[in-house]
Amino acid sequence: MSRRDELVAGLTAVRERVERACAASGRRPDDLELVAVTKFFPASDADLLAELGVRHIGENRHQEAVEKVAALRRRDQLTVHFIGQLQTNKAAAVAAYADVVQSVDRLRLVDALQKGAHRAGRRVGVTVQVSLDEHDHEGRAGALPEDAPLVADAVARAPDLDLLGVMAVAPLGADPAPAFARLRKVADGIREAHPGATWVSAGMSSDLEAAIAEGATHLRVGSAILGSRPSLR
C-alpha cells in the first residue's frame, strides 16, 4: 500500500466516525473541521493530505514545525495550527509562520504573540487553552476555567491577534465527556462577551465522539489518520 493509500484509508475511517457521531448528536459533519496532527511526520505527508482535501494541519514543536512549514509544497492550501505547549520566548518565532496558535493560556504569552505577529506583519488566530483537570493543575498546560475569560479579553484587545475560541485536552485516564461539558460552559461564557469566538477545539483520535457530542467545532486527529508516529529523531 502506498503512503497515499494509507492516508486515504485513515481519512476515510475518521470521516466515517465523525459522520456517525454527528448523526448520534444531531449535528452536521460540515460544521466540523479536521485538523490533521502532522507532528513527527514529514512535509510530504502534509502535502499529500492537502491533495486529499485536508485544509488544516497541527504541529506541536517549534523547531520541527518551522522547518516543515518551509518545506511544504502546498503551503498556500493549508492552515497551520500550532497546538503544543508554547514557551513565551518562542512565541514571536511561532507567530511568523503559524496561522493559528491554539495553546494560549496566559497573559504573557498573549503579549509575546502580539509582538511577534506585529513584527512579522501577519494576523494570527488564537484559541485560549483551558485546563480541564479538576484536581491537579500543577505543570499542566491550560488556563483555569475561571481565568480563561481574562486571557480571551487580552487576545481580543491585541491589534494583530484574532480571538477564535477555546481549546482543551481531556484529562488522562478520565471520562472525556464531563470534561468536554465543562469546556462547553467556558466556551459559551467567552462567546457571550466575544460573539466571534466560535471555535471549540476538542477531541483527538481516542475521544472525538465525546467532543462532537459536546459541541466541538475542530478535531485534532493524528494517529487515526497518519498511523503510529515514527521514532523520535
Protein backbone atom coordinates (compact mmCIF):
# COMPACT_ATOMS: atom_id res chain seq x y z
CA MET A 1 0.00 0.00 0.00
CA SER A 2 1.36 3.41 -0.95
CA ARG A 3 1.58 6.22 1.58
CA ARG A 4 -1.22 7.99 -0.27
CA ASP A 5 -3.41 4.88 0.08
CA GLU A 6 -2.63 4.70 3.80
CA LEU A 7 -3.69 8.32 4.29
CA VAL A 8 -6.85 7.81 2.23
CA ALA A 9 -7.76 4.84 4.44
CA GLY A 10 -7.10 6.79 7.64
CA LEU A 11 -9.07 9.82 6.48
CA THR A 12 -11.98 7.68 5.33
CA ALA A 13 -12.18 5.88 8.67
CA VAL A 14 -12.05 9.14 10.65
CA ARG A 15 -14.65 10.82 8.48
CA GLU A 16 -16.96 7.84 8.96
CA ARG A 17 -16.54 8.14 12.73
CA VAL A 18 -17.34 11.84 12.52
CA GLU A 19 -20.47 11.14 10.46
CA ARG A 20 -21.71 8.55 12.97
CA ALA A 21 -21.01 10.83 15.93
CA CYS A 22 -22.78 13.73 14.25
CA ALA A 23 -25.80 11.55 13.47
CA ALA A 24 -25.95 10.48 17.12
CA SER A 25 -25.84 14.06 18.40
CA GLY A 26 -27.99 15.75 15.77
CA ARG A 27 -25.12 17.67 14.18
CA ARG A 28 -23.87 18.10 10.62
CA PRO A 29 -20.40 16.85 9.63
CA ASP A 30 -19.95 20.02 7.56
CA ASP A 31 -19.95 22.01 10.81
CA LEU A 32 -16.68 20.39 11.94
CA GLU A 33 -13.13 20.96 10.75
CA LEU A 34 -10.49 18.26 10.88
CA VAL A 35 -7.01 19.36 11.96
CA ALA A 36 -4.59 16.60 10.95
CA VAL A 37 -1.82 16.47 13.54
CA THR A 38 1.34 16.01 11.49
CA LYS A 39 3.95 16.23 14.25
CA PHE A 40 6.79 13.74 13.71
CA PHE A 41 5.61 13.14 10.14
CA PRO A 42 7.32 14.63 7.06
CA ALA A 43 6.19 17.60 4.99
CA SER A 44 5.42 15.15 2.19
CA ASP A 45 2.60 13.69 4.30
CA ALA A 46 1.13 17.14 4.86
CA ASP A 47 1.29 17.81 1.12
CA LEU A 48 -0.46 14.51 0.41
CA LEU A 49 -3.17 15.39 2.92
CA ALA A 50 -3.65 18.73 1.16
CA GLU A 51 -4.09 16.84 -2.14
CA LEU A 52 -6.75 14.75 -0.38
CA GLY A 53 -8.74 17.78 0.74
CA VAL A 54 -7.38 18.37 4.26
CA ARG A 55 -7.08 22.10 4.89
CA HIS A 56 -5.71 22.22 8.44
CA ILE A 57 -2.57 20.69 9.94
CA GLY A 58 -1.34 20.81 13.54
CA GLU A 59 2.20 20.94 14.87
CA ASN A 60 3.50 20.67 18.44
CA ARG A 61 7.19 21.51 18.40
CA HIS A 62 8.57 24.79 17.11
CA GLN A 63 11.85 23.56 15.69
CA GLU A 64 10.18 20.76 13.76
CA ALA A 65 7.29 22.96 12.65
CA VAL A 66 9.33 25.86 11.28
CA GLU A 67 11.41 23.52 9.11
CA LYS A 68 8.37 21.54 7.93
CA VAL A 69 6.32 24.60 7.02
CA ALA A 70 9.22 25.94 4.97
CA ALA A 71 9.36 22.63 3.07
CA LEU A 72 5.64 22.43 2.22
CA ARG A 73 4.87 22.45 -1.49
CA ARG A 74 1.18 23.17 -0.82
CA ARG A 75 1.60 25.77 1.91
CA ASP A 76 -0.99 28.04 0.34
CA GLN A 77 -3.63 25.30 0.67
CA LEU A 78 -3.03 24.67 4.37
CA THR A 79 -3.83 26.48 7.59
CA VAL A 80 -1.02 25.74 10.03
CA HIS A 81 -2.03 25.38 13.68
CA PHE A 82 0.50 25.38 16.50
CA ILE A 83 -1.12 23.18 19.13
CA GLY A 84 1.73 22.36 21.52
CA GLN A 85 2.70 23.96 24.78
CA LEU A 86 4.43 27.21 23.88
CA GLN A 87 7.23 28.95 25.73
CA THR A 88 6.98 32.72 25.85
CA ASN A 89 10.45 33.15 24.36
CA LYS A 90 9.42 31.11 21.29
CA ALA A 91 6.10 32.86 20.73
CA ALA A 92 7.37 35.53 18.34
CA ALA A 93 9.09 32.93 16.15
CA VAL A 94 5.93 30.82 16.04
CA ALA A 95 3.84 33.86 15.10
CA ALA A 96 5.99 34.25 11.98
CA TYR A 97 4.66 31.03 10.38
CA ALA A 98 1.63 29.70 12.32
CA ASP A 99 -1.77 30.84 11.11
CA VAL A 100 -3.40 29.77 14.38
CA VAL A 101 -1.93 29.24 17.85
CA GLN A 102 -4.29 27.03 19.84
CA SER A 103 -2.33 26.80 23.10
CA VAL A 104 -2.51 30.32 24.56
CA ASP A 105 -3.09 30.06 28.29
CA ARG A 106 -1.54 33.12 29.96
CA LEU A 107 -1.32 36.87 29.56
CA ARG A 108 2.45 36.97 28.99
CA LEU A 109 2.02 34.64 26.04
CA VAL A 110 -0.62 36.92 24.54
CA ASP A 111 1.80 39.86 24.72
CA ALA A 112 4.64 37.86 23.16
CA LEU A 113 2.45 36.61 20.30
CA GLN A 114 1.15 40.09 19.61
CA LYS A 115 4.69 41.43 19.35
CA GLY A 116 5.70 38.60 17.04
CA ALA A 117 2.65 38.96 14.81
CA HIS A 118 3.19 42.71 14.52
CA ARG A 119 6.87 42.27 13.71
CA ALA A 120 6.05 39.69 11.03
CA GLY A 121 3.25 41.78 9.55
CA ARG A 122 0.73 38.96 10.00
CA ARG A 123 -2.56 38.32 11.71
CA VAL A 124 -2.59 35.24 13.92
CA GLY A 125 -5.68 33.40 15.09
CA VAL A 126 -5.75 32.33 18.73
CA THR A 127 -7.70 29.88 20.84
CA VAL A 128 -7.46 30.00 24.62
CA GLN A 129 -6.33 26.68 26.05
CA VAL A 130 -8.42 25.70 29.06
CA SER A 131 -7.33 23.19 31.69
CA LEU A 132 -9.99 20.54 32.26
CA ASP A 133 -8.21 18.77 35.11
CA GLU A 134 -10.28 19.43 38.21
CA HIS A 135 -7.69 18.22 40.69
CA ASP A 136 -4.08 18.84 39.67
CA HIS A 137 -3.21 21.89 37.61
CA GLU A 138 0.46 22.00 38.55
CA GLY A 139 2.64 21.62 35.49
CA ARG A 140 -0.38 21.25 33.21
CA ALA A 141 -0.99 23.49 30.23
CA GLY A 142 -4.17 25.50 30.12
CA ALA A 143 -5.72 28.43 31.91
CA LEU A 144 -8.06 27.61 34.77
CA PRO A 145 -11.68 27.87 33.63
CA GLU A 146 -12.21 30.95 35.78
CA ASP A 147 -9.12 32.63 34.27
CA ALA A 148 -9.80 31.79 30.63
CA PRO A 149 -12.11 34.81 30.04
CA LEU A 150 -9.32 37.17 31.14
CA VAL A 151 -6.94 35.61 28.62
CA ALA A 152 -9.66 35.82 25.96
CA ASP A 153 -10.20 39.50 26.70
CA ALA A 154 -6.47 40.17 26.29
CA VAL A 155 -6.40 38.36 22.94
CA ALA A 156 -9.42 40.33 21.76
CA ARG A 157 -7.65 43.60 22.62
CA ALA A 158 -4.45 42.69 20.75
CA PRO A 159 -4.35 44.54 17.41
CA ASP A 160 -2.80 41.70 15.38
CA LEU A 161 -4.47 38.68 17.03
CA ASP A 162 -7.91 37.25 16.29
CA LEU A 163 -9.77 35.53 19.13
CA LEU A 164 -11.24 32.36 17.63
CA GLY A 165 -12.47 30.45 20.71
CA VAL A 166 -11.17 27.80 23.09
CA MET A 167 -9.14 24.61 23.05
CA ALA A 168 -8.66 21.81 25.55
CA VAL A 169 -7.30 18.32 26.05
CA ALA A 170 -9.32 15.82 28.08
CA PRO A 171 -7.62 14.67 31.31
CA LEU A 172 -5.68 11.43 31.01
CA GLY A 173 -7.45 8.35 32.27
CA ALA A 174 -10.78 10.07 32.87
CA ASP A 175 -14.12 10.03 31.07
CA PRO A 176 -13.77 12.83 28.50
CA ALA A 177 -17.49 13.63 28.32
CA PRO A 178 -17.77 15.57 31.62
CA ALA A 179 -14.53 17.40 30.84
CA PHE A 180 -15.76 18.48 27.42
CA ALA A 181 -19.05 19.56 29.02
CA ARG A 182 -17.04 21.88 31.29
CA LEU A 183 -15.24 23.25 28.25
CA ARG A 184 -18.56 23.94 26.59
CA LYS A 185 -19.60 26.13 29.53
CA VAL A 186 -16.36 28.09 29.34
CA ALA A 187 -16.78 28.48 25.58
CA ASP A 188 -20.35 29.72 26.00
CA GLY A 189 -19.24 32.32 28.55
CA ILE A 190 -16.46 33.64 26.34
CA ARG A 191 -18.79 33.74 23.33
CA GLU A 192 -21.23 35.94 25.25
CA ALA A 193 -18.53 38.60 25.52
CA HIS A 194 -16.96 37.89 22.14
CA PRO A 195 -19.57 36.58 19.66
CA GLY A 196 -16.94 35.84 17.01
CA ALA A 197 -15.14 33.34 19.26
CA THR A 198 -16.99 30.33 17.89
CA TRP A 199 -14.27 27.67 17.85
CA VAL A 200 -14.28 24.77 20.31
CA SER A 201 -11.14 22.75 19.56
CA ALA A 202 -11.54 19.46 21.39
CA GLY A 203 -11.28 15.78 20.64
CA MET A 204 -8.44 13.66 19.36
CA SER A 205 -8.13 10.16 17.90
CA SER A 206 -9.35 8.46 21.08
CA ASP A 207 -12.19 10.76 22.14
CA LEU A 208 -13.52 12.65 19.14
CA GLU A 209 -17.04 11.22 19.59
CA ALA A 210 -17.35 12.68 23.09
CA ALA A 211 -16.06 16.03 21.83
CA ILE A 212 -18.58 16.13 18.99
CA ALA A 213 -21.41 15.39 21.42
CA GLU A 214 -20.36 18.42 23.50
CA GLY A 215 -20.16 20.88 20.63
CA ALA A 216 -16.59 20.66 19.30
CA THR A 217 -16.03 22.53 16.06
CA HIS A 218 -12.41 21.46 15.44
CA LEU A 219 -10.97 17.98 15.97
CA ARG A 220 -7.20 17.46 16.34
CA VAL A 221 -6.58 13.98 14.96
CA GLY A 222 -3.15 12.44 14.43
CA SER A 223 -2.61 8.69 14.70
CA ALA A 224 -6.07 7.72 13.43
CA ILE A 225 -5.20 9.43 10.14
CA LEU A 226 -1.42 9.14 9.85
CA GLY A 227 -0.76 5.93 11.78
CA SER A 228 1.77 5.28 14.53
CA ARG A 229 4.32 8.02 14.99
CA PRO A 230 7.76 7.45 13.53
CA SER A 231 10.61 7.03 16.00
CA LEU A 232 11.75 10.31 17.52
CA ARG A 233 14.75 11.78 15.82
